[in-house]
Amino acid sequence: MLLLSPTPADAHGEAAASICDACRRPSRAEAEAAVRTLIGWAGDDPRREGLQATPGRVVRAYEEWFAGYRLDPTAVLERTFGEVAGYDDMVVLRDIQVQSTCEHHMAAIRGVAHVAYLPRQRVVGISKLARVVDAYARRLQIQERLTAEIADELERTLQPRGVAVVIEAAHDCMASRGVHKHGASLVTRRLTGVFETGEARREVLAALAG
């Protein structure tokens, strides 16, 4: 039988502190210092004139690129409308610009999202659909999860009869490094409810394809 020595109490404390430190959001000064470190690691001098203001610019850019962490997708969809004059067909919004960041290499993901849903009684403003896409896209992502998160949020919050999300995007992590393949795009899709099978599936995919 293998006997394990108990971990000293102070070791538990150190481990807990380490976890808390990892979860703490760094300050702006710490983020800028990290950028200076990366510039130096790349082989340049962060003190030279052309790079002195770069850490601040990078941090401000990160605030835009990762603004999705500060957005609540559920809150975005809270306001709906019931006066639709009996409309009971699909709502389709195509070519929503997607700007995201690959979580594996922190390289850009650029493309478009196509979103459709079949409302039960209420609809949501079309700008809200685009904002939900942004809320999930402007985070560290993989495209497959991004597609599922958008569809699941619409399904959970709007409770429609069906949701369909298709994303087509190019990945800089494949174009600018590694295999260096330009012009390739990844297509992912998530369909729920009535759109999962049969004629409704074919119809919504045709509508999203344009």
Protein backbone atom coordinates (compact mmCIF):
# COMPACT_ATOMS: atom_id res chain seq x y z
CA MET A 1 0.00 0.00 0.00
CA LEU A 2 1.30 3.45 -0.93
CA LEU A 3 1.40 5.88 1.95
CA LEU A 4 1.28 9.58 1.15
CA SER A 5 2.78 12.10 3.52
CA PRO A 6 0.33 14.79 4.58
CA THR A 7 0.91 18.17 3.01
CA PRO A 8 2.08 20.75 5.58
CA ALA A 9 -0.45 23.43 6.48
CA ASP A 10 1.78 26.18 5.18
CA ALA A 11 2.02 24.40 1.82
CA HIS A 12 -1.78 24.48 1.57
CA GLY A 13 -1.67 28.19 2.28
CA GLU A 14 0.96 28.75 -0.39
CA ALA A 15 -1.08 26.77 -2.93
CA ALA A 16 -4.22 28.76 -2.15
CA ALA A 17 -2.33 32.04 -2.44
CA SER A 18 -0.90 30.92 -5.77
CA ILE A 19 -4.38 30.14 -7.10
CA CYS A 20 -5.71 33.51 -5.91
CA ASP A 21 -2.78 35.31 -7.54
CA ALA A 22 -3.48 33.53 -10.82
CA CYS A 23 -7.17 34.56 -10.72
CA ARG A 24 -6.53 38.19 -9.81
CA ARG A 25 -6.89 40.59 -12.71
CA PRO A 26 -3.53 42.35 -13.21
CA SER A 27 -3.39 46.12 -13.00
CA ARG A 28 -2.91 48.29 -16.09
CA ALA A 29 0.68 48.93 -15.03
CA GLU A 30 1.33 45.20 -14.76
CA ALA A 31 -0.23 44.61 -18.19
CA GLU A 32 1.97 47.30 -19.76
CA ALA A 33 5.03 45.81 -18.06
CA ALA A 34 4.14 42.43 -19.58
CA VAL A 35 4.04 44.01 -23.04
CA ARG A 36 7.49 45.52 -22.47
CA THR A 37 8.73 42.06 -21.50
CA LEU A 38 7.37 40.56 -24.72
CA ILE A 39 8.95 43.32 -26.80
CA GLY A 40 12.29 42.60 -25.17
CA TRP A 41 11.84 38.85 -25.67
CA ALA A 42 11.08 39.45 -29.37
CA GLY A 43 14.50 41.11 -29.64
CA ASP A 44 13.77 44.83 -29.56
CA ASP A 45 14.31 47.54 -26.98
CA PRO A 46 11.04 48.69 -25.37
CA ARG A 47 12.84 51.90 -24.31
CA ARG A 48 13.51 53.14 -27.82
CA GLU A 49 11.42 56.10 -29.01
CA GLY A 50 9.15 54.23 -31.40
CA LEU A 51 8.20 51.64 -28.78
CA GLN A 52 7.88 53.71 -25.61
CA ALA A 53 4.13 54.26 -26.04
CA THR A 54 3.44 50.79 -27.45
CA PRO A 55 2.58 49.06 -24.13
CA GLY A 56 -0.19 51.60 -23.47
CA ARG A 57 -1.53 51.22 -26.99
CA VAL A 58 -1.55 47.45 -26.72
CA VAL A 59 -3.45 47.53 -23.42
CA ARG A 60 -6.04 49.90 -24.89
CA ALA A 61 -6.37 47.61 -27.91
CA TYR A 62 -6.90 44.65 -25.59
CA GLU A 63 -9.76 46.54 -23.94
CA GLU A 64 -11.49 46.58 -27.34
CA TRP A 65 -10.50 43.11 -28.51
CA PHE A 66 -11.62 41.48 -25.26
CA ALA A 67 -14.59 43.71 -24.45
CA GLY A 68 -16.80 40.61 -24.45
CA TYR A 69 -15.69 39.76 -20.93
CA ARG A 70 -17.46 42.90 -19.72
CA LEU A 71 -20.71 42.16 -21.59
CA ASP A 72 -23.58 40.04 -20.26
CA PRO A 73 -25.18 38.30 -23.28
CA THR A 74 -28.30 37.41 -21.31
CA ALA A 75 -28.87 41.06 -20.36
CA VAL A 76 -28.46 42.05 -24.01
CA LEU A 77 -31.46 39.87 -24.95
CA GLU A 78 -33.73 40.84 -22.05
CA ARG A 79 -35.85 43.34 -23.97
CA THR A 80 -38.13 41.65 -26.51
CA PHE A 81 -41.13 42.73 -28.58
CA GLY A 82 -44.52 41.03 -28.90
CA GLU A 83 -46.17 43.27 -31.53
CA VAL A 84 -45.25 41.31 -34.64
CA ALA A 85 -48.64 41.32 -36.43
CA GLY A 86 -48.83 37.55 -36.38
CA TYR A 87 -45.40 37.02 -37.95
CA ASP A 88 -44.48 33.35 -37.46
CA ASP A 89 -41.60 32.65 -39.85
CA MET A 90 -37.83 32.65 -39.47
CA VAL A 91 -35.86 35.71 -38.45
CA VAL A 92 -32.52 35.67 -40.26
CA LEU A 93 -29.57 38.03 -39.84
CA ARG A 94 -26.66 37.32 -42.16
CA ASP A 95 -23.07 38.57 -42.44
CA ILE A 96 -22.55 39.74 -38.86
CA GLN A 97 -18.87 40.65 -38.65
CA VAL A 98 -16.90 38.41 -36.30
CA GLN A 99 -13.62 39.55 -34.76
CA SER A 100 -12.23 37.13 -32.24
CA THR A 101 -8.93 35.81 -30.91
CA CYS A 102 -7.69 32.23 -30.98
CA GLU A 103 -7.04 31.05 -27.45
CA HIS A 104 -4.23 28.74 -28.56
CA HIS A 105 -1.93 31.33 -30.19
CA MET A 106 -3.75 34.62 -29.47
CA ALA A 107 -3.97 35.22 -33.22
CA ALA A 108 -6.89 36.90 -34.94
CA ILE A 109 -10.04 35.10 -36.09
CA ARG A 110 -11.97 37.10 -38.71
CA GLY A 111 -15.16 36.21 -40.49
CA VAL A 112 -18.94 36.42 -40.45
CA ALA A 113 -21.75 34.87 -38.45
CA HIS A 114 -25.21 34.07 -39.78
CA VAL A 115 -27.97 33.77 -37.17
CA ALA A 116 -31.57 32.59 -37.48
CA TYR A 117 -34.31 31.79 -35.02
CA LEU A 118 -37.98 30.83 -35.21
CA PRO A 119 -39.81 32.87 -32.56
CA ARG A 120 -42.65 31.54 -30.47
CA GLN A 121 -44.38 34.82 -29.64
CA ARG A 122 -41.73 37.50 -29.22
CA VAL A 123 -38.77 38.82 -31.20
CA VAL A 124 -35.63 40.72 -30.25
CA GLY A 125 -34.12 43.79 -31.92
CA ILE A 126 -31.70 42.81 -34.68
CA SER A 127 -28.87 44.87 -33.18
CA LYS A 128 -29.12 42.66 -30.09
CA LEU A 129 -28.27 39.60 -32.20
CA ALA A 130 -25.09 41.31 -33.37
CA ARG A 131 -24.24 42.33 -29.80
CA VAL A 132 -24.60 38.75 -28.57
CA VAL A 133 -22.18 37.65 -31.28
CA ASP A 134 -19.75 40.34 -30.11
CA ALA A 135 -20.18 39.45 -26.45
CA TYR A 136 -18.88 35.94 -27.08
CA ALA A 137 -16.52 36.68 -29.97
CA ARG A 138 -14.51 39.36 -28.17
CA ARG A 139 -12.97 36.83 -25.82
CA LEU A 140 -10.28 34.18 -26.14
CA GLN A 141 -12.07 31.57 -28.22
CA ILE A 142 -12.13 28.58 -30.46
CA GLN A 143 -14.66 28.84 -33.27
CA GLU A 144 -16.51 25.67 -32.37
CA ARG A 145 -17.24 26.89 -28.84
CA LEU A 146 -18.10 30.38 -30.09
CA THR A 147 -20.75 28.94 -32.41
CA ALA A 148 -22.26 26.83 -29.64
CA GLU A 149 -22.27 29.66 -27.08
CA ILE A 150 -24.15 32.04 -29.38
CA ALA A 151 -26.76 29.41 -30.30
CA ASP A 152 -27.20 28.23 -26.71
CA GLU A 153 -27.62 31.80 -25.43
CA LEU A 154 -30.36 32.52 -27.98
CA GLU A 155 -32.03 29.20 -27.18
CA ARG A 156 -31.90 29.73 -23.42
CA THR A 157 -32.93 33.39 -23.30
CA LEU A 158 -35.42 33.74 -26.17
CA GLN A 159 -36.83 30.20 -25.91
CA PRO A 160 -37.71 30.10 -29.62
CA ARG A 161 -38.88 27.09 -31.59
CA GLY A 162 -35.42 26.76 -33.10
CA VAL A 163 -32.04 28.46 -33.47
CA ALA A 164 -29.39 28.18 -36.18
CA VAL A 165 -25.91 29.73 -36.10
CA VAL A 166 -23.29 29.37 -38.84
CA ILE A 167 -19.84 30.99 -38.64
CA GLU A 168 -17.33 31.20 -41.48
CA ALA A 169 -13.93 32.55 -40.46
CA ALA A 170 -10.26 32.67 -41.36
CA HIS A 171 -7.66 32.01 -38.68
CA ASP A 172 -4.36 33.90 -38.58
CA CYS A 173 -2.87 31.12 -36.45
CA MET A 174 -2.96 28.98 -39.61
CA ALA A 175 -2.20 31.71 -42.14
CA SER A 176 0.67 33.56 -40.45
CA ARG A 177 2.46 30.62 -38.78
CA GLY A 178 2.59 26.85 -38.83
CA VAL A 179 1.31 25.55 -42.18
CA HIS A 180 1.04 29.11 -43.63
CA LYS A 181 -2.17 28.37 -45.54
CA HIS A 182 -3.87 31.54 -46.73
CA GLY A 183 -7.43 31.78 -47.96
CA ALA A 184 -8.77 28.83 -45.97
CA SER A 185 -11.91 29.36 -43.91
CA LEU A 186 -13.45 27.25 -41.18
CA VAL A 187 -17.22 26.71 -41.19
CA THR A 188 -19.02 25.73 -37.98
CA ARG A 189 -22.72 25.48 -37.26
CA ARG A 190 -25.14 24.77 -34.42
CA LEU A 191 -28.85 24.02 -34.96
CA THR A 192 -31.45 23.48 -32.24
CA GLY A 193 -35.16 22.75 -31.95
CA VAL A 194 -37.12 22.45 -35.17
CA PHE A 195 -33.99 23.25 -37.19
CA GLU A 196 -32.22 20.06 -36.15
CA THR A 197 -33.80 17.77 -38.74
CA GLY A 198 -35.99 17.52 -41.81
CA GLU A 199 -37.25 20.22 -44.11
CA ALA A 200 -36.82 22.99 -41.51
CA ARG A 201 -33.09 22.18 -41.32
CA ARG A 202 -32.69 22.35 -45.09
CA GLU A 203 -34.69 25.57 -45.26
CA VAL A 204 -32.73 27.43 -42.58
CA LEU A 205 -29.36 26.34 -43.94
CA ALA A 206 -30.39 27.57 -47.37
CA ALA A 207 -31.51 30.90 -45.89
CA LEU A 208 -28.23 31.32 -44.00
CA ALA A 209 -26.21 30.46 -47.09
CA GLY A 210 -28.00 33.22 -49.00
